[in-house]
C-alpha cells in the first residue's frame, strides 16, 4: 500500500462541480492499494499515517502528529500510485488492486482512522475528482508499506 501525505492548510475534493469532502489544517492523503496487499500492509498505514510527526510544535519543530495537532485527513483513493512508467511512454497499472479489493481496503483504512478520533473526509471512489490543496511547508511524504530504505 502506498500513501502520499501532504501537510495542508486546507484541501477539498470536488466531483461533478460539487464539493464532496473538505478539511482545514491536516493531511491530504492519496491512497494506492496494490493487488497483493494484506492486512499487514493495511495495519502499517492505520498506525503510521496518524502518528507521523510532520506538524510544527510551539517551537516550530516538526514534532507533532496530525492527531496531536488537532488536524483532519482528506483521504482520496488513487490507483495511479501504482503506475509503472519504467518501460515505454504509457504507465502500466497491472500491480494496482482491482476496484472491489481496493475499495474494501480503502474503506477499512478510513474507518480505522475515524476510530482513532480523527475527522476524515473522503472523495468518491471510482469517480473523476478534482482535488485542491494548499500544501503547507511544503511537506510531502511518501509511505510504502513494503519499501525498506
N, C-alpha and C. Protein backbone atom coordinates (compact mmCIF):
# COMPACT_ATOMS: atom_id res chain seq x y z
N UNK A 1 0.85 -1.17 0.00
CA UNK A 1 0.00 0.00 0.00
C UNK A 1 0.89 1.23 0.00
N UNK A 2 0.47 2.21 -0.76
CA UNK A 2 1.21 3.47 -0.81
C UNK A 2 0.29 4.61 -0.41
N UNK A 3 0.87 5.53 0.36
CA UNK A 3 0.16 6.75 0.72
C UNK A 3 1.09 7.93 0.49
N UNK A 4 0.57 8.95 -0.17
CA UNK A 4 1.28 10.22 -0.30
C UNK A 4 0.60 11.18 0.65
N UNK A 5 1.37 11.67 1.63
CA UNK A 5 0.86 12.58 2.64
C UNK A 5 1.32 13.99 2.30
N UNK A 6 0.39 14.92 2.27
CA UNK A 6 0.74 16.32 2.10
C UNK A 6 0.15 17.09 3.27
N UNK A 7 1.03 17.78 3.98
CA UNK A 7 0.57 18.64 5.07
C UNK A 7 -0.09 19.85 4.43
N UNK A 8 -1.32 20.13 4.81
CA UNK A 8 -2.08 21.19 4.15
C UNK A 8 -2.68 22.17 5.16
N UNK A 9 -2.90 23.39 4.69
CA UNK A 9 -3.69 24.34 5.48
C UNK A 9 -5.17 24.15 5.19
N UNK A 10 -5.45 23.65 3.95
CA UNK A 10 -6.82 23.26 3.59
C UNK A 10 -6.75 22.43 2.32
N UNK A 11 -7.78 21.60 2.15
CA UNK A 11 -7.86 20.74 0.98
C UNK A 11 -9.31 20.35 0.75
N UNK A 12 -9.64 20.13 -0.52
CA UNK A 12 -11.01 19.72 -0.84
C UNK A 12 -10.99 18.84 -2.08
N UNK A 13 -12.07 18.11 -2.25
CA UNK A 13 -12.24 17.28 -3.43
C UNK A 13 -13.65 17.51 -3.97
N UNK A 14 -13.71 17.77 -5.28
CA UNK A 14 -14.97 18.01 -5.96
C UNK A 14 -15.25 16.88 -6.94
N UNK A 15 -16.52 16.55 -7.08
CA UNK A 15 -16.98 15.59 -8.08
C UNK A 15 -18.17 16.23 -8.79
N UNK A 16 -18.07 16.34 -10.09
CA UNK A 16 -19.16 16.93 -10.86
C UNK A 16 -19.48 18.35 -10.46
N UNK A 17 -18.47 19.12 -10.07
CA UNK A 17 -18.67 20.51 -9.69
C UNK A 17 -19.17 20.72 -8.27
N UNK A 18 -19.31 19.63 -7.51
CA UNK A 18 -19.80 19.74 -6.12
C UNK A 18 -18.72 19.26 -5.17
N UNK A 19 -18.50 20.02 -4.10
CA UNK A 19 -17.53 19.61 -3.08
C UNK A 19 -18.10 18.46 -2.28
N UNK A 20 -17.35 17.34 -2.25
CA UNK A 20 -17.81 16.15 -1.53
C UNK A 20 -17.00 15.90 -0.27
N UNK A 21 -15.86 16.56 -0.13
CA UNK A 21 -15.04 16.43 1.06
C UNK A 21 -14.12 17.64 1.18
N UNK A 22 -13.96 18.14 2.38
CA UNK A 22 -13.09 19.31 2.59
C UNK A 22 -12.59 19.31 4.02
N UNK A 23 -11.34 19.74 4.18
CA UNK A 23 -10.75 19.88 5.52
C UNK A 23 -10.01 21.20 5.62
N UNK A 24 -9.77 21.62 6.85
CA UNK A 24 -8.87 22.73 7.13
C UNK A 24 -7.48 22.14 7.33
N UNK A 25 -6.74 22.59 8.33
CA UNK A 25 -5.39 22.08 8.54
C UNK A 25 -5.39 20.57 8.79
N UNK A 26 -4.42 19.90 8.18
CA UNK A 26 -4.31 18.46 8.36
C UNK A 26 -3.51 17.82 7.26
N UNK A 27 -3.95 16.62 6.87
CA UNK A 27 -3.25 15.83 5.85
C UNK A 27 -4.17 15.52 4.68
N UNK A 28 -3.68 15.80 3.49
CA UNK A 28 -4.30 15.30 2.26
C UNK A 28 -3.57 14.00 1.97
N UNK A 29 -4.29 12.87 1.94
CA UNK A 29 -3.66 11.57 1.77
C UNK A 29 -4.19 10.90 0.51
N UNK A 30 -3.30 10.67 -0.45
CA UNK A 30 -3.61 9.89 -1.64
C UNK A 30 -3.27 8.44 -1.32
N UNK A 31 -4.18 7.51 -1.60
CA UNK A 31 -4.04 6.12 -1.18
C UNK A 31 -4.08 5.19 -2.38
N UNK A 32 -3.02 4.40 -2.52
CA UNK A 32 -2.96 3.40 -3.57
C UNK A 32 -2.88 2.01 -2.96
N UNK A 33 -3.69 1.09 -3.48
CA UNK A 33 -3.72 -0.27 -2.96
C UNK A 33 -3.15 -1.20 -4.03
N UNK A 34 -2.20 -2.03 -3.61
CA UNK A 34 -1.57 -2.98 -4.51
C UNK A 34 -2.39 -4.27 -4.57
N UNK A 35 -2.29 -4.99 -5.66
CA UNK A 35 -3.09 -6.19 -5.89
C UNK A 35 -2.91 -7.25 -4.82
N UNK A 36 -1.74 -7.32 -4.21
CA UNK A 36 -1.48 -8.35 -3.21
C UNK A 36 -1.30 -7.80 -1.80
N UNK A 37 -1.83 -6.60 -1.55
CA UNK A 37 -1.77 -6.06 -0.19
C UNK A 37 -2.52 -6.95 0.78
N UNK A 38 -2.00 -7.01 2.00
CA UNK A 38 -2.58 -7.85 3.04
C UNK A 38 -2.97 -6.98 4.23
N UNK A 39 -3.50 -7.63 5.26
CA UNK A 39 -3.83 -6.90 6.48
C UNK A 39 -2.59 -6.26 7.10
N UNK A 40 -1.42 -6.84 6.90
CA UNK A 40 -0.19 -6.26 7.44
C UNK A 40 0.10 -4.91 6.78
N UNK A 41 -0.14 -4.80 5.48
CA UNK A 41 0.05 -3.52 4.78
C UNK A 41 -0.95 -2.49 5.29
N UNK A 42 -2.18 -2.92 5.44
CA UNK A 42 -3.23 -2.04 5.95
C UNK A 42 -2.90 -1.57 7.37
N UNK A 43 -2.51 -2.49 8.24
CA UNK A 43 -2.19 -2.14 9.62
C UNK A 43 -1.04 -1.14 9.70
N UNK A 44 -0.07 -1.27 8.79
CA UNK A 44 1.05 -0.32 8.76
C UNK A 44 0.52 1.10 8.54
N UNK A 45 -0.36 1.28 7.57
CA UNK A 45 -0.89 2.61 7.27
C UNK A 45 -1.86 3.11 8.34
N UNK A 46 -2.61 2.18 8.94
CA UNK A 46 -3.51 2.57 10.03
C UNK A 46 -2.71 3.21 11.16
N UNK A 47 -1.55 2.65 11.46
CA UNK A 47 -0.71 3.16 12.54
C UNK A 47 0.16 4.35 12.10
N UNK A 48 0.78 4.24 10.95
CA UNK A 48 1.81 5.19 10.55
C UNK A 48 1.27 6.57 10.21
N UNK A 49 0.22 6.64 9.38
CA UNK A 49 -0.26 7.94 8.90
C UNK A 49 -0.68 8.87 10.04
N UNK A 50 -1.52 8.43 10.97
CA UNK A 50 -1.94 9.36 12.03
C UNK A 50 -0.83 9.75 13.01
N UNK A 51 0.23 8.95 13.07
CA UNK A 51 1.27 9.18 14.07
C UNK A 51 2.56 9.80 13.54
N UNK A 52 2.66 9.99 12.21
CA UNK A 52 3.88 10.57 11.68
C UNK A 52 3.97 12.04 12.10
N UNK A 53 5.12 12.42 12.60
CA UNK A 53 5.28 13.75 13.21
C UNK A 53 5.80 14.75 12.17
N UNK A 54 4.87 15.40 11.50
CA UNK A 54 5.24 16.38 10.47
C UNK A 54 4.54 17.73 10.67
N UNK A 55 3.98 17.95 11.85
CA UNK A 55 3.36 19.22 12.18
C UNK A 55 4.21 19.95 13.22
N UNK A 56 4.27 21.26 13.10
CA UNK A 56 5.12 22.06 13.99
C UNK A 56 4.57 22.12 15.40
N UNK A 57 5.49 22.04 16.37
CA UNK A 57 5.13 22.28 17.76
C UNK A 57 5.27 23.78 18.04
N UNK A 58 5.16 24.17 19.29
CA UNK A 58 5.23 25.58 19.66
C UNK A 58 6.58 26.22 19.32
N UNK A 59 7.61 25.41 19.19
CA UNK A 59 8.94 25.91 18.86
C UNK A 59 9.22 25.88 17.36
N UNK A 60 8.22 25.52 16.55
CA UNK A 60 8.41 25.47 15.11
C UNK A 60 9.15 24.24 14.61
N UNK A 61 9.19 23.21 15.44
CA UNK A 61 9.86 21.95 15.08
C UNK A 61 8.80 20.93 14.69
N UNK A 62 9.03 20.20 13.59
CA UNK A 62 8.07 19.16 13.19
C UNK A 62 8.14 18.03 14.20
N UNK A 63 7.25 18.12 15.19
CA UNK A 63 7.30 17.21 16.32
C UNK A 63 5.91 16.69 16.70
N UNK A 64 4.88 17.06 15.94
CA UNK A 64 3.52 16.66 16.26
C UNK A 64 2.90 15.84 15.13
N UNK A 65 2.04 14.92 15.50
CA UNK A 65 1.27 14.15 14.51
C UNK A 65 0.00 14.93 14.17
N UNK A 66 -0.73 14.46 13.17
CA UNK A 66 -2.00 15.09 12.83
C UNK A 66 -2.96 15.00 14.01
N UNK A 67 -2.91 13.90 14.75
CA UNK A 67 -3.77 13.76 15.93
C UNK A 67 -3.40 14.79 16.98
N UNK A 68 -2.11 14.91 17.27
CA UNK A 68 -1.65 15.85 18.31
C UNK A 68 -1.88 17.30 17.91
N UNK A 69 -1.84 17.57 16.60
CA UNK A 69 -2.04 18.93 16.11
C UNK A 69 -3.52 19.27 15.97
N UNK A 70 -4.40 18.28 16.16
CA UNK A 70 -5.84 18.52 16.03
C UNK A 70 -6.30 18.67 14.59
N UNK A 71 -5.54 18.10 13.66
CA UNK A 71 -5.88 18.21 12.24
C UNK A 71 -6.81 17.11 11.77
N UNK A 72 -7.21 17.23 10.53
CA UNK A 72 -8.10 16.27 9.88
C UNK A 72 -7.35 15.59 8.74
N UNK A 73 -8.00 14.59 8.15
CA UNK A 73 -7.45 13.90 6.98
C UNK A 73 -8.47 13.95 5.86
N UNK A 74 -8.00 14.28 4.65
CA UNK A 74 -8.80 14.11 3.44
C UNK A 74 -8.20 12.94 2.70
N UNK A 75 -8.93 11.83 2.62
CA UNK A 75 -8.44 10.59 2.05
C UNK A 75 -9.02 10.39 0.65
N UNK A 76 -8.13 10.23 -0.33
CA UNK A 76 -8.56 10.06 -1.72
C UNK A 76 -7.88 8.83 -2.30
N UNK A 77 -8.68 7.89 -2.80
CA UNK A 77 -8.15 6.70 -3.43
C UNK A 77 -7.54 7.07 -4.78
N UNK A 78 -6.35 6.53 -5.07
CA UNK A 78 -5.68 6.87 -6.32
C UNK A 78 -4.86 5.67 -6.82
N UNK A 79 -5.47 4.89 -7.72
CA UNK A 79 -4.80 3.70 -8.23
C UNK A 79 -3.53 4.04 -9.01
N UNK A 80 -3.42 5.26 -9.51
CA UNK A 80 -2.25 5.63 -10.31
C UNK A 80 -0.96 5.66 -9.49
N UNK A 81 -1.05 5.56 -8.17
CA UNK A 81 0.17 5.47 -7.37
C UNK A 81 0.93 4.19 -7.67
N UNK A 82 0.27 3.23 -8.29
CA UNK A 82 0.95 2.00 -8.71
C UNK A 82 1.22 1.98 -10.21
N UNK A 83 1.25 3.16 -10.82
CA UNK A 83 1.64 3.24 -12.21
C UNK A 83 3.13 2.96 -12.36
N UNK A 84 3.47 2.07 -13.26
CA UNK A 84 4.87 1.72 -13.53
C UNK A 84 5.23 2.28 -14.90
N UNK A 85 6.06 3.32 -14.90
CA UNK A 85 6.42 4.01 -16.14
C UNK A 85 7.86 3.73 -16.56
N UNK A 86 8.42 2.63 -16.10
CA UNK A 86 9.82 2.32 -16.43
C UNK A 86 9.99 1.94 -17.89
N UNK A 87 8.97 1.38 -18.50
CA UNK A 87 9.07 0.96 -19.90
C UNK A 87 8.07 1.76 -20.73
N UNK A 88 8.51 2.16 -21.91
CA UNK A 88 7.61 2.86 -22.82
C UNK A 88 7.16 4.21 -22.30
N UNK A 89 6.08 4.72 -22.89
CA UNK A 89 5.58 6.04 -22.52
C UNK A 89 4.24 5.99 -21.81
N UNK A 90 3.62 4.83 -21.78
CA UNK A 90 2.33 4.71 -21.10
C UNK A 90 2.51 3.86 -19.85
N UNK A 91 2.17 4.42 -18.68
CA UNK A 91 2.33 3.63 -17.45
C UNK A 91 1.44 2.38 -17.46
N UNK A 92 1.94 1.34 -16.83
CA UNK A 92 1.17 0.13 -16.61
C UNK A 92 0.62 0.16 -15.19
N UNK A 93 -0.62 -0.24 -15.03
CA UNK A 93 -1.24 -0.27 -13.70
C UNK A 93 -1.53 -1.70 -13.28
N UNK A 94 -0.77 -2.64 -13.80
CA UNK A 94 -1.05 -4.05 -13.58
C UNK A 94 -0.89 -4.48 -12.12
N UNK A 95 -0.17 -3.72 -11.32
CA UNK A 95 0.00 -4.10 -9.91
C UNK A 95 -1.01 -3.42 -8.98
N UNK A 96 -1.81 -2.50 -9.52
CA UNK A 96 -2.85 -1.87 -8.71
C UNK A 96 -3.96 -2.89 -8.45
N UNK A 97 -4.51 -2.85 -7.26
CA UNK A 97 -5.62 -3.75 -6.92
C UNK A 97 -6.84 -3.44 -7.78
N UNK A 98 -7.63 -4.45 -8.02
CA UNK A 98 -8.89 -4.25 -8.73
C UNK A 98 -9.84 -3.41 -7.88
N UNK A 99 -10.86 -2.83 -8.51
CA UNK A 99 -11.74 -1.90 -7.81
C UNK A 99 -12.38 -2.44 -6.54
N UNK A 100 -12.87 -3.67 -6.56
CA UNK A 100 -13.55 -4.21 -5.38
C UNK A 100 -12.60 -4.36 -4.20
N UNK A 101 -11.44 -4.94 -4.45
CA UNK A 101 -10.45 -5.14 -3.38
C UNK A 101 -9.90 -3.80 -2.90
N UNK A 102 -9.62 -2.90 -3.83
CA UNK A 102 -9.07 -1.58 -3.46
C UNK A 102 -10.06 -0.80 -2.61
N UNK A 103 -11.32 -0.79 -3.01
CA UNK A 103 -12.32 -0.04 -2.25
C UNK A 103 -12.49 -0.62 -0.85
N UNK A 104 -12.48 -1.94 -0.72
CA UNK A 104 -12.62 -2.56 0.60
C UNK A 104 -11.47 -2.14 1.51
N UNK A 105 -10.24 -2.15 0.99
CA UNK A 105 -9.07 -1.76 1.79
C UNK A 105 -9.14 -0.27 2.14
N UNK A 106 -9.50 0.54 1.18
CA UNK A 106 -9.63 1.99 1.38
C UNK A 106 -10.66 2.29 2.46
N UNK A 107 -11.82 1.66 2.39
CA UNK A 107 -12.87 1.89 3.38
C UNK A 107 -12.42 1.45 4.78
N UNK A 108 -11.73 0.33 4.87
CA UNK A 108 -11.24 -0.13 6.17
C UNK A 108 -10.23 0.86 6.74
N UNK A 109 -9.39 1.41 5.90
CA UNK A 109 -8.39 2.39 6.34
C UNK A 109 -9.06 3.64 6.88
N UNK A 110 -10.01 4.17 6.14
CA UNK A 110 -10.73 5.37 6.56
C UNK A 110 -11.44 5.13 7.89
N UNK A 111 -12.13 4.01 8.01
CA UNK A 111 -12.85 3.70 9.26
C UNK A 111 -11.90 3.54 10.44
N UNK A 112 -10.73 2.96 10.22
CA UNK A 112 -9.75 2.79 11.30
C UNK A 112 -9.22 4.14 11.77
N UNK A 113 -9.01 5.05 10.84
CA UNK A 113 -8.56 6.39 11.25
C UNK A 113 -9.66 7.12 12.02
N UNK A 114 -10.89 6.98 11.56
CA UNK A 114 -12.01 7.60 12.29
C UNK A 114 -12.15 7.02 13.69
N UNK A 115 -11.91 5.73 13.82
CA UNK A 115 -11.99 5.07 15.13
C UNK A 115 -10.94 5.61 16.10
N UNK A 116 -9.88 6.22 15.56
CA UNK A 116 -8.85 6.83 16.40
C UNK A 116 -9.23 8.26 16.80
N UNK A 117 -10.42 8.71 16.41
CA UNK A 117 -10.89 10.03 16.78
C UNK A 117 -10.51 11.13 15.80
N UNK A 118 -10.04 10.77 14.63
CA UNK A 118 -9.64 11.75 13.63
C UNK A 118 -10.82 12.03 12.71
N UNK A 119 -11.05 13.29 12.40
CA UNK A 119 -12.04 13.64 11.39
C UNK A 119 -11.46 13.29 10.03
N UNK A 120 -12.17 12.44 9.28
CA UNK A 120 -11.70 12.01 7.97
C UNK A 120 -12.79 12.30 6.94
N UNK A 121 -12.43 13.10 5.96
CA UNK A 121 -13.29 13.35 4.80
C UNK A 121 -12.75 12.52 3.64
N UNK A 122 -13.60 12.26 2.65
CA UNK A 122 -13.18 11.42 1.53
C UNK A 122 -13.67 11.98 0.20
N UNK A 123 -13.07 11.44 -0.85
CA UNK A 123 -13.60 11.64 -2.19
C UNK A 123 -14.65 10.56 -2.43
N UNK A 124 -14.97 10.32 -3.70
CA UNK A 124 -15.90 9.27 -4.07
C UNK A 124 -15.14 8.28 -4.93
N UNK A 125 -15.09 7.06 -4.47
CA UNK A 125 -14.32 6.01 -5.13
C UNK A 125 -14.77 5.83 -6.58
N UNK A 126 -13.81 5.66 -7.49
CA UNK A 126 -14.03 5.40 -8.92
C UNK A 126 -14.77 6.51 -9.63
N UNK A 127 -14.50 7.75 -9.25
CA UNK A 127 -15.06 8.89 -9.98
C UNK A 127 -13.91 9.80 -10.39
N UNK A 128 -14.18 10.65 -11.36
CA UNK A 128 -13.23 11.70 -11.72
C UNK A 128 -13.35 12.78 -10.65
N UNK A 129 -12.25 13.06 -9.98
CA UNK A 129 -12.25 14.02 -8.89
C UNK A 129 -11.29 15.15 -9.19
N UNK A 130 -11.64 16.33 -8.73
CA UNK A 130 -10.74 17.47 -8.78
C UNK A 130 -10.33 17.77 -7.34
N UNK A 131 -9.03 17.63 -7.09
CA UNK A 131 -8.51 17.80 -5.74
C UNK A 131 -7.77 19.14 -5.67
N UNK A 132 -8.11 19.91 -4.67
CA UNK A 132 -7.45 21.20 -4.43
C UNK A 132 -6.79 21.16 -3.07
N UNK A 133 -5.64 21.79 -2.97
CA UNK A 133 -4.97 21.85 -1.67
C UNK A 133 -3.99 23.00 -1.62
N UNK A 134 -3.75 23.43 -0.42
CA UNK A 134 -2.67 24.36 -0.13
C UNK A 134 -1.66 23.57 0.69
N UNK A 135 -0.56 23.18 0.05
CA UNK A 135 0.48 22.39 0.71
C UNK A 135 1.22 23.31 1.67
N UNK A 136 1.28 22.93 2.92
CA UNK A 136 1.88 23.74 3.98
C UNK A 136 3.33 23.31 4.18
N UNK A 137 4.23 24.20 3.86
CA UNK A 137 5.65 23.91 4.07
C UNK A 137 6.50 24.23 2.85
N UNK A 138 6.42 23.52 1.78
CA UNK A 138 5.62 22.32 1.56
C UNK A 138 6.22 21.10 2.24
N UNK A 139 5.33 20.25 2.74
CA UNK A 139 5.73 18.99 3.35
C UNK A 139 4.96 17.88 2.63
N UNK A 140 5.70 16.99 1.97
CA UNK A 140 5.11 15.86 1.26
C UNK A 140 5.93 14.63 1.59
N UNK A 141 5.25 13.58 2.04
CA UNK A 141 5.91 12.34 2.45
C UNK A 141 5.29 11.17 1.68
N UNK A 142 6.14 10.29 1.15
CA UNK A 142 5.68 9.07 0.50
C UNK A 142 5.88 7.91 1.46
N UNK A 143 4.80 7.19 1.75
CA UNK A 143 4.89 5.98 2.57
C UNK A 143 4.56 4.78 1.70
N UNK A 144 5.35 3.74 1.82
CA UNK A 144 5.10 2.49 1.11
C UNK A 144 5.23 1.38 2.14
N UNK A 145 4.18 0.60 2.31
CA UNK A 145 4.17 -0.41 3.37
C UNK A 145 5.19 -1.51 3.13
N UNK A 146 5.76 -1.59 1.95
CA UNK A 146 6.72 -2.66 1.66
C UNK A 146 8.13 -2.16 1.38
N UNK A 147 8.30 -0.88 1.27
CA UNK A 147 9.61 -0.36 0.90
C UNK A 147 10.49 -0.19 2.13
N UNK A 148 11.66 -0.76 2.04
CA UNK A 148 12.65 -0.58 3.10
C UNK A 148 13.77 0.28 2.55
N UNK A 149 14.19 1.24 3.34
CA UNK A 149 15.23 2.17 2.90
C UNK A 149 16.59 1.68 3.33
